[in-house]
Amino acid sequence: MGMDIAIVLHVFFVVVWVGGMFFAHQCLRPVAAAQLEPPLRLRLWVGVFGRFFPWVWAAIVLVPASGLFMMLGPLGGFAHLPLYIHAMFGLGLVMVGVFLRVFFSPYPALRKAVAAGDWPAGAAQLARIRRLVGINTLLGTLTLAIGAGGRYFG
């Protein structure tokens, strides 16, 4: 893999992940909450997550892998990199941790509650997911800002 392929994979999967979170959190969520009763809304979210999370799994593998490839190869190693690239990498790792928390805790509980028709329990798990995705959306937006403008920050 060359630098050209690494940067395309890196940027594509960052856009998919952060853009998908932004869309879900800021656009889909408010409309779904306003227009759908809990059973339909919770089923919708289980379906949306079922389609989105495989893309996030690809992102949490390919974004760090392509970043490490670029940092350790063409860019000359961690010691030679400016602080903003270290910050992007660190924030990205935190984002991976937040996603893993969502995927292995409230998401299975949401699926279980929806399958059982336990709408209050499902709503509680969806609220947990919403908070964590909100945090990750903010972290992703900050990481994008650092990546786009870091070399100009001083």
N, C-alpha and C. Protein backbone atom coordinates (compact mmCIF):
# COMPACT_ATOMS: atom_id res chain seq x y z
N MET A 1 0.86 -1.17 0.00
CA MET A 1 0.00 0.00 0.00
C MET A 1 0.90 1.23 0.00
N GLY A 2 0.57 2.18 -0.85
CA GLY A 2 1.32 3.42 -0.90
C GLY A 2 0.59 4.52 -0.14
N MET A 3 1.27 5.64 -0.03
CA MET A 3 0.69 6.79 0.66
C MET A 3 -0.63 7.21 0.01
N ASP A 4 -0.74 7.11 -1.31
CA ASP A 4 -1.96 7.52 -2.00
C ASP A 4 -3.16 6.67 -1.57
N ILE A 5 -2.98 5.36 -1.52
CA ILE A 5 -4.08 4.48 -1.10
C ILE A 5 -4.38 4.67 0.38
N ALA A 6 -3.36 4.83 1.19
CA ALA A 6 -3.55 5.01 2.64
C ALA A 6 -4.36 6.26 2.93
N ILE A 7 -4.04 7.37 2.26
CA ILE A 7 -4.77 8.61 2.56
C ILE A 7 -6.21 8.53 2.08
N VAL A 8 -6.45 7.88 0.94
CA VAL A 8 -7.83 7.73 0.46
C VAL A 8 -8.64 6.86 1.42
N LEU A 9 -8.10 5.73 1.85
CA LEU A 9 -8.80 4.89 2.82
C LEU A 9 -9.06 5.64 4.12
N HIS A 10 -8.04 6.34 4.58
CA HIS A 10 -8.13 7.08 5.83
C HIS A 10 -9.25 8.12 5.78
N VAL A 11 -9.21 8.96 4.77
CA VAL A 11 -10.20 10.04 4.68
C VAL A 11 -11.60 9.47 4.41
N PHE A 12 -11.71 8.49 3.53
CA PHE A 12 -13.02 7.92 3.23
C PHE A 12 -13.69 7.38 4.49
N PHE A 13 -12.96 6.58 5.26
CA PHE A 13 -13.58 5.96 6.43
C PHE A 13 -13.79 6.95 7.58
N VAL A 14 -12.99 8.00 7.66
CA VAL A 14 -13.27 9.06 8.63
C VAL A 14 -14.58 9.76 8.26
N VAL A 15 -14.74 10.06 6.98
CA VAL A 15 -15.97 10.73 6.52
C VAL A 15 -17.19 9.85 6.77
N VAL A 16 -17.09 8.56 6.46
CA VAL A 16 -18.21 7.64 6.69
C VAL A 16 -18.57 7.62 8.17
N TRP A 17 -17.57 7.45 9.03
CA TRP A 17 -17.82 7.31 10.47
C TRP A 17 -18.34 8.61 11.08
N VAL A 18 -17.59 9.68 10.94
CA VAL A 18 -17.99 10.94 11.59
C VAL A 18 -19.23 11.52 10.91
N GLY A 19 -19.28 11.46 9.59
CA GLY A 19 -20.46 11.96 8.89
C GLY A 19 -21.71 11.17 9.24
N GLY A 20 -21.55 9.84 9.35
CA GLY A 20 -22.69 9.01 9.73
C GLY A 20 -23.19 9.33 11.13
N MET A 21 -22.27 9.54 12.05
CA MET A 21 -22.68 9.91 13.42
C MET A 21 -23.37 11.26 13.43
N PHE A 22 -22.81 12.22 12.71
CA PHE A 22 -23.41 13.55 12.66
C PHE A 22 -24.83 13.47 12.10
N PHE A 23 -25.00 12.77 10.98
CA PHE A 23 -26.33 12.62 10.38
C PHE A 23 -27.30 11.96 11.36
N ALA A 24 -26.88 10.84 11.95
CA ALA A 24 -27.77 10.11 12.85
C ALA A 24 -28.15 10.94 14.06
N HIS A 25 -27.17 11.62 14.65
CA HIS A 25 -27.40 12.35 15.89
C HIS A 25 -28.14 13.66 15.66
N GLN A 26 -27.79 14.38 14.62
CA GLN A 26 -28.33 15.73 14.43
C GLN A 26 -29.54 15.79 13.49
N CYS A 27 -29.70 14.80 12.63
CA CYS A 27 -30.78 14.85 11.64
C CYS A 27 -31.83 13.76 11.86
N LEU A 28 -31.40 12.51 11.86
CA LEU A 28 -32.34 11.39 11.98
C LEU A 28 -32.98 11.32 13.37
N ARG A 29 -32.18 11.45 14.41
CA ARG A 29 -32.69 11.29 15.78
C ARG A 29 -33.83 12.25 16.11
N PRO A 30 -33.68 13.56 15.87
CA PRO A 30 -34.78 14.46 16.24
C PRO A 30 -36.07 14.19 15.46
N VAL A 31 -35.95 13.83 14.19
CA VAL A 31 -37.14 13.55 13.39
C VAL A 31 -37.79 12.25 13.86
N ALA A 32 -36.98 11.22 14.10
CA ALA A 32 -37.53 9.94 14.57
C ALA A 32 -38.22 10.13 15.92
N ALA A 33 -37.62 10.91 16.81
CA ALA A 33 -38.21 11.13 18.13
C ALA A 33 -39.53 11.89 18.03
N ALA A 34 -39.62 12.81 17.10
CA ALA A 34 -40.83 13.63 16.96
C ALA A 34 -41.96 12.90 16.24
N GLN A 35 -41.62 11.98 15.35
CA GLN A 35 -42.65 11.42 14.47
C GLN A 35 -42.99 9.95 14.71
N LEU A 36 -42.17 9.24 15.45
CA LEU A 36 -42.41 7.81 15.61
C LEU A 36 -42.66 7.43 17.06
N GLU A 37 -43.63 6.57 17.27
CA GLU A 37 -43.90 6.01 18.60
C GLU A 37 -42.74 5.09 18.98
N PRO A 38 -42.53 4.88 20.30
CA PRO A 38 -41.37 4.09 20.74
C PRO A 38 -41.16 2.75 20.02
N PRO A 39 -42.19 1.93 19.80
CA PRO A 39 -41.90 0.65 19.13
C PRO A 39 -41.30 0.83 17.73
N LEU A 40 -41.85 1.74 16.96
CA LEU A 40 -41.32 1.98 15.61
C LEU A 40 -39.95 2.64 15.67
N ARG A 41 -39.81 3.62 16.55
CA ARG A 41 -38.54 4.35 16.67
C ARG A 41 -37.40 3.41 17.09
N LEU A 42 -37.66 2.57 18.06
CA LEU A 42 -36.62 1.67 18.55
C LEU A 42 -36.28 0.61 17.51
N ARG A 43 -37.28 0.11 16.79
CA ARG A 43 -37.00 -0.84 15.71
C ARG A 43 -36.19 -0.16 14.60
N LEU A 44 -36.53 1.08 14.30
CA LEU A 44 -35.76 1.84 13.30
C LEU A 44 -34.29 1.91 13.69
N TRP A 45 -34.03 2.27 14.96
CA TRP A 45 -32.64 2.42 15.39
C TRP A 45 -31.88 1.10 15.38
N VAL A 46 -32.53 0.03 15.75
CA VAL A 46 -31.85 -1.28 15.68
C VAL A 46 -31.47 -1.57 14.22
N GLY A 47 -32.37 -1.26 13.29
CA GLY A 47 -32.07 -1.46 11.88
C GLY A 47 -30.97 -0.54 11.37
N VAL A 48 -31.02 0.73 11.77
CA VAL A 48 -29.99 1.69 11.35
C VAL A 48 -28.63 1.27 11.89
N PHE A 49 -28.56 0.94 13.17
CA PHE A 49 -27.28 0.52 13.74
C PHE A 49 -26.78 -0.76 13.09
N GLY A 50 -27.69 -1.67 12.77
CA GLY A 50 -27.31 -2.91 12.12
C GLY A 50 -26.66 -2.68 10.75
N ARG A 51 -27.04 -1.62 10.09
CA ARG A 51 -26.43 -1.29 8.80
C ARG A 51 -25.19 -0.40 8.95
N PHE A 52 -25.19 0.48 9.95
CA PHE A 52 -24.10 1.43 10.11
C PHE A 52 -22.89 0.82 10.81
N PHE A 53 -23.11 0.00 11.81
CA PHE A 53 -21.99 -0.50 12.61
C PHE A 53 -20.99 -1.34 11.83
N PRO A 54 -21.36 -2.12 10.81
CA PRO A 54 -20.30 -2.78 10.02
C PRO A 54 -19.36 -1.77 9.36
N TRP A 55 -19.88 -0.64 8.94
CA TRP A 55 -19.04 0.41 8.38
C TRP A 55 -18.12 0.99 9.44
N VAL A 56 -18.63 1.13 10.66
CA VAL A 56 -17.79 1.65 11.75
C VAL A 56 -16.71 0.64 12.08
N TRP A 57 -17.03 -0.66 12.07
CA TRP A 57 -15.99 -1.67 12.31
C TRP A 57 -14.89 -1.55 11.27
N ALA A 58 -15.27 -1.36 10.01
CA ALA A 58 -14.25 -1.16 8.97
C ALA A 58 -13.43 0.09 9.29
N ALA A 59 -14.10 1.15 9.74
CA ALA A 59 -13.40 2.40 10.05
C ALA A 59 -12.44 2.22 11.22
N ILE A 60 -12.86 1.51 12.26
CA ILE A 60 -11.98 1.41 13.44
C ILE A 60 -10.78 0.51 13.17
N VAL A 61 -10.83 -0.26 12.09
CA VAL A 61 -9.65 -1.02 11.67
C VAL A 61 -8.81 -0.20 10.70
N LEU A 62 -9.46 0.33 9.66
CA LEU A 62 -8.72 0.96 8.57
C LEU A 62 -8.21 2.36 8.87
N VAL A 63 -8.92 3.13 9.67
CA VAL A 63 -8.42 4.48 9.99
C VAL A 63 -7.14 4.41 10.81
N PRO A 64 -7.11 3.69 11.93
CA PRO A 64 -5.84 3.59 12.66
C PRO A 64 -4.74 2.89 11.85
N ALA A 65 -5.10 1.85 11.11
CA ALA A 65 -4.09 1.12 10.34
C ALA A 65 -3.48 2.02 9.26
N SER A 66 -4.31 2.75 8.54
CA SER A 66 -3.77 3.63 7.50
C SER A 66 -3.00 4.78 8.13
N GLY A 67 -3.49 5.29 9.27
CA GLY A 67 -2.76 6.35 9.97
C GLY A 67 -1.40 5.88 10.44
N LEU A 68 -1.35 4.70 11.04
CA LEU A 68 -0.06 4.16 11.48
C LEU A 68 0.86 3.91 10.30
N PHE A 69 0.31 3.38 9.22
CA PHE A 69 1.14 3.16 8.03
C PHE A 69 1.78 4.47 7.58
N MET A 70 0.98 5.53 7.52
CA MET A 70 1.52 6.82 7.06
C MET A 70 2.52 7.38 8.06
N MET A 71 2.19 7.28 9.35
CA MET A 71 3.07 7.84 10.38
C MET A 71 4.40 7.10 10.46
N LEU A 72 4.34 5.79 10.41
CA LEU A 72 5.57 5.00 10.59
C LEU A 72 6.36 4.81 9.31
N GLY A 73 5.70 5.01 8.18
CA GLY A 73 6.37 4.83 6.89
C GLY A 73 6.73 6.17 6.27
N PRO A 74 5.89 6.63 5.34
CA PRO A 74 6.21 7.84 4.57
C PRO A 74 6.47 9.09 5.42
N LEU A 75 5.84 9.21 6.58
CA LEU A 75 6.02 10.43 7.39
C LEU A 75 7.19 10.33 8.37
N GLY A 76 7.83 9.19 8.47
CA GLY A 76 9.09 9.09 9.20
C GLY A 76 9.04 8.72 10.66
N GLY A 77 7.90 8.33 11.19
CA GLY A 77 7.83 7.90 12.58
C GLY A 77 7.30 8.97 13.52
N PHE A 78 6.84 8.52 14.68
CA PHE A 78 6.22 9.40 15.66
C PHE A 78 7.12 10.56 16.09
N ALA A 79 8.38 10.29 16.24
CA ALA A 79 9.31 11.32 16.74
C ALA A 79 9.43 12.50 15.80
N HIS A 80 9.13 12.31 14.53
CA HIS A 80 9.29 13.37 13.54
C HIS A 80 7.98 14.09 13.23
N LEU A 81 6.91 13.72 13.89
CA LEU A 81 5.60 14.26 13.54
C LEU A 81 5.21 15.42 14.45
N PRO A 82 4.49 16.39 13.89
CA PRO A 82 4.03 17.51 14.71
C PRO A 82 2.97 17.07 15.72
N LEU A 83 2.78 17.88 16.72
CA LEU A 83 1.85 17.58 17.81
C LEU A 83 0.43 17.32 17.31
N TYR A 84 -0.02 18.04 16.29
CA TYR A 84 -1.40 17.87 15.86
C TYR A 84 -1.66 16.46 15.32
N ILE A 85 -0.67 15.82 14.74
CA ILE A 85 -0.86 14.44 14.27
C ILE A 85 -0.95 13.49 15.45
N HIS A 86 -0.14 13.72 16.48
CA HIS A 86 -0.26 12.93 17.71
C HIS A 86 -1.64 13.11 18.33
N ALA A 87 -2.15 14.34 18.32
CA ALA A 87 -3.47 14.62 18.88
C ALA A 87 -4.56 13.89 18.10
N MET A 88 -4.47 13.92 16.77
CA MET A 88 -5.45 13.19 15.95
C MET A 88 -5.44 11.71 16.28
N PHE A 89 -4.25 11.15 16.38
CA PHE A 89 -4.13 9.72 16.66
C PHE A 89 -4.72 9.39 18.03
N GLY A 90 -4.37 10.19 19.03
CA GLY A 90 -4.90 9.95 20.38
C GLY A 90 -6.40 10.08 20.46
N LEU A 91 -6.95 11.12 19.85
CA LEU A 91 -8.41 11.29 19.85
C LEU A 91 -9.09 10.16 19.09
N GLY A 92 -8.47 9.72 18.00
CA GLY A 92 -9.02 8.59 17.26
C GLY A 92 -9.09 7.33 18.11
N LEU A 93 -8.06 7.09 18.91
CA LEU A 93 -8.09 5.92 19.79
C LEU A 93 -9.18 6.03 20.84
N VAL A 94 -9.40 7.24 21.36
CA VAL A 94 -10.50 7.45 22.31
C VAL A 94 -11.83 7.16 21.63
N MET A 95 -11.98 7.63 20.39
CA MET A 95 -13.22 7.38 19.64
C MET A 95 -13.46 5.88 19.45
N VAL A 96 -12.41 5.14 19.15
CA VAL A 96 -12.54 3.69 19.02
C VAL A 96 -13.06 3.10 20.33
N GLY A 97 -12.49 3.55 21.44
CA GLY A 97 -12.94 3.06 22.75
C GLY A 97 -14.40 3.37 23.02
N VAL A 98 -14.84 4.55 22.66
CA VAL A 98 -16.25 4.92 22.85
C VAL A 98 -17.15 4.03 21.99
N PHE A 99 -16.76 3.81 20.74
CA PHE A 99 -17.55 2.92 19.89
C PHE A 99 -17.63 1.52 20.47
N LEU A 100 -16.50 0.99 20.93
CA LEU A 100 -16.50 -0.36 21.51
C LEU A 100 -17.44 -0.43 22.70
N ARG A 101 -17.48 0.63 23.49
CA ARG A 101 -18.41 0.69 24.64
C ARG A 101 -19.85 0.60 24.15
N VAL A 102 -20.19 1.38 23.11
CA VAL A 102 -21.55 1.35 22.55
C VAL A 102 -21.86 -0.05 22.04
N PHE A 103 -20.95 -0.60 21.26
CA PHE A 103 -21.23 -1.86 20.57
C PHE A 103 -21.40 -3.03 21.53
N PHE A 104 -20.61 -3.05 22.61
CA PHE A 104 -20.63 -4.20 23.49
C PHE A 104 -21.48 -4.02 24.75
N SER A 105 -22.07 -2.85 24.96
CA SER A 105 -22.90 -2.68 26.15
C SER A 105 -24.32 -2.26 25.80
N PRO A 106 -24.58 -0.97 25.51
CA PRO A 106 -25.99 -0.62 25.31
C PRO A 106 -26.59 -1.17 24.01
N TYR A 107 -25.80 -1.38 22.97
CA TYR A 107 -26.36 -1.88 21.71
C TYR A 107 -26.95 -3.28 21.86
N PRO A 108 -26.23 -4.25 22.43
CA PRO A 108 -26.87 -5.57 22.62
C PRO A 108 -28.09 -5.50 23.54
N ALA A 109 -28.01 -4.64 24.55
CA ALA A 109 -29.16 -4.50 25.45
C ALA A 109 -30.35 -3.88 24.72
N LEU A 110 -30.10 -2.94 23.82
CA LEU A 110 -31.17 -2.35 23.00
C LEU A 110 -31.80 -3.43 22.12
N ARG A 111 -30.97 -4.21 21.45
CA ARG A 111 -31.51 -5.27 20.58
C ARG A 111 -32.35 -6.26 21.37
N LYS A 112 -31.87 -6.62 22.55
CA LYS A 112 -32.59 -7.57 23.40
C LYS A 112 -33.93 -6.99 23.84
N ALA A 113 -33.93 -5.73 24.26
CA ALA A 113 -35.16 -5.09 24.71
C ALA A 113 -36.18 -4.98 23.57
N VAL A 114 -35.71 -4.61 22.40
CA VAL A 114 -36.62 -4.49 21.25
C VAL A 114 -37.19 -5.86 20.87
N ALA A 115 -36.35 -6.88 20.86
CA ALA A 115 -36.83 -8.23 20.54
C ALA A 115 -37.89 -8.70 21.53
N ALA A 116 -37.77 -8.27 22.79
CA ALA A 116 -38.73 -8.65 23.83
C ALA A 116 -39.93 -7.71 23.91
N GLY A 117 -39.90 -6.61 23.14
CA GLY A 117 -40.98 -5.63 23.22
C GLY A 117 -40.96 -4.82 24.49
N ASP A 118 -39.82 -4.74 25.14
CA ASP A 118 -39.67 -3.96 26.38
C ASP A 118 -39.24 -2.54 25.99
N TRP A 119 -40.22 -1.72 25.66
CA TRP A 119 -39.95 -0.39 25.12
C TRP A 119 -39.28 0.55 26.11
N PRO A 120 -39.66 0.56 27.40
CA PRO A 120 -38.94 1.43 28.34
C PRO A 120 -37.46 1.05 28.47
N ALA A 121 -37.15 -0.24 28.54
CA ALA A 121 -35.75 -0.65 28.62
C ALA A 121 -35.01 -0.30 27.34
N GLY A 122 -35.67 -0.48 26.20
CA GLY A 122 -35.06 -0.11 24.93
C GLY A 122 -34.79 1.38 24.85
N ALA A 123 -35.74 2.17 25.32
CA ALA A 123 -35.55 3.63 25.30
C ALA A 123 -34.38 4.04 26.19
N ALA A 124 -34.22 3.38 27.33
CA ALA A 124 -33.11 3.70 28.22
C ALA A 124 -31.77 3.38 27.54
N GLN A 125 -31.70 2.26 26.84
CA GLN A 125 -30.46 1.90 26.15
C GLN A 125 -30.18 2.84 24.97
N LEU A 126 -31.23 3.22 24.26
CA LEU A 126 -31.06 4.16 23.17
C LEU A 126 -30.56 5.51 23.68
N ALA A 127 -31.03 5.92 24.85
CA ALA A 127 -30.55 7.18 25.45
C ALA A 127 -29.06 7.07 25.78
N ARG A 128 -28.62 5.92 26.27
CA ARG A 128 -27.18 5.72 26.53
C ARG A 128 -26.37 5.81 25.24
N ILE A 129 -26.89 5.16 24.21
CA ILE A 129 -26.20 5.21 22.91
C ILE A 129 -26.15 6.64 22.40
N ARG A 130 -27.26 7.36 22.51
CA ARG A 130 -27.32 8.75 22.03
C ARG A 130 -26.24 9.60 22.70
N ARG A 131 -26.09 9.46 24.02
CA ARG A 131 -25.07 10.24 24.73
C ARG A 131 -23.66 9.89 24.25
N LEU A 132 -23.39 8.61 24.11
CA LEU A 132 -22.05 8.19 23.68
C LEU A 132 -21.77 8.59 22.24
N VAL A 133 -22.77 8.47 21.38
CA VAL A 133 -22.58 8.90 19.99
C VAL A 133 -22.40 10.42 19.94
N GLY A 134 -23.11 11.15 20.80
CA GLY A 134 -22.91 12.60 20.87
C GLY A 134 -21.48 12.95 21.25
N ILE A 135 -20.94 12.23 22.23
CA ILE A 135 -19.54 12.44 22.63
C ILE A 135 -18.61 12.13 21.46
N ASN A 136 -18.86 11.00 20.80
CA ASN A 136 -17.98 10.63 19.69
C ASN A 136 -18.11 11.59 18.51
N THR A 137 -19.29 12.14 18.30
CA THR A 137 -19.47 13.12 17.23
C THR A 137 -18.64 14.37 17.53
N LEU A 138 -18.67 14.81 18.78
CA LEU A 138 -17.85 15.97 19.17
C LEU A 138 -16.36 15.66 19.02
N LEU A 139 -15.94 14.48 19.48
CA LEU A 139 -14.53 14.09 19.34
C LEU A 139 -14.13 14.00 17.86
N GLY A 140 -15.01 13.44 17.05
CA GLY A 140 -14.73 13.33 15.62
C GLY A 140 -14.63 14.68 14.95
N THR A 141 -15.52 15.60 15.33
CA THR A 141 -15.48 16.95 14.76
C THR A 141 -14.20 17.66 15.17
N LEU A 142 -13.81 17.52 16.43
CA LEU A 142 -12.56 18.11 16.91
C LEU A 142 -11.37 17.50 16.16
N THR A 143 -11.38 16.20 15.99
CA THR A 143 -10.29 15.52 15.29
C THR A 143 -10.20 16.00 13.84
N LEU A 144 -11.34 16.15 13.19
CA LEU A 144 -11.35 16.68 11.83
C LEU A 144 -10.80 18.10 11.77
N ALA A 145 -11.18 18.93 12.72
CA ALA A 145 -10.66 20.30 12.75
C ALA A 145 -9.15 20.31 12.94
N ILE A 146 -8.67 19.45 13.82
CA ILE A 146 -7.22 19.36 14.05
C ILE A 146 -6.52 18.86 12.79
N GLY A 147 -7.10 17.85 12.13
CA GLY A 147 -6.50 17.32 10.92
C GLY A 147 -6.48 18.33 9.79
N ALA A 148 -7.56 19.07 9.65
CA ALA A 148 -7.65 20.04 8.54
C ALA A 148 -6.82 21.29 8.80
N GLY A 149 -6.75 21.73 10.05
CA GLY A 149 -6.09 23.00 10.32
C GLY A 149 -4.90 22.94 11.24
N GLY A 150 -4.53 21.75 11.71
CA GLY A 150 -3.47 21.60 12.69
C GLY A 150 -2.16 22.24 12.32
N ARG A 151 -1.78 22.12 11.09
CA ARG A 151 -0.49 22.69 10.67
C ARG A 151 -0.50 24.22 10.72
N TYR A 152 -1.70 24.81 10.82
CA TYR A 152 -1.81 26.28 10.84
C TYR A 152 -2.03 26.82 12.26
N PHE A 153 -2.17 25.95 13.25
CA PHE A 153 -2.49 26.39 14.60
C PHE A 153 -1.31 26.95 15.37
N GLY A 154 -0.17 27.02 14.78
CA GLY A 154 0.93 27.64 15.49
C GLY A 154 2.04 26.75 15.66
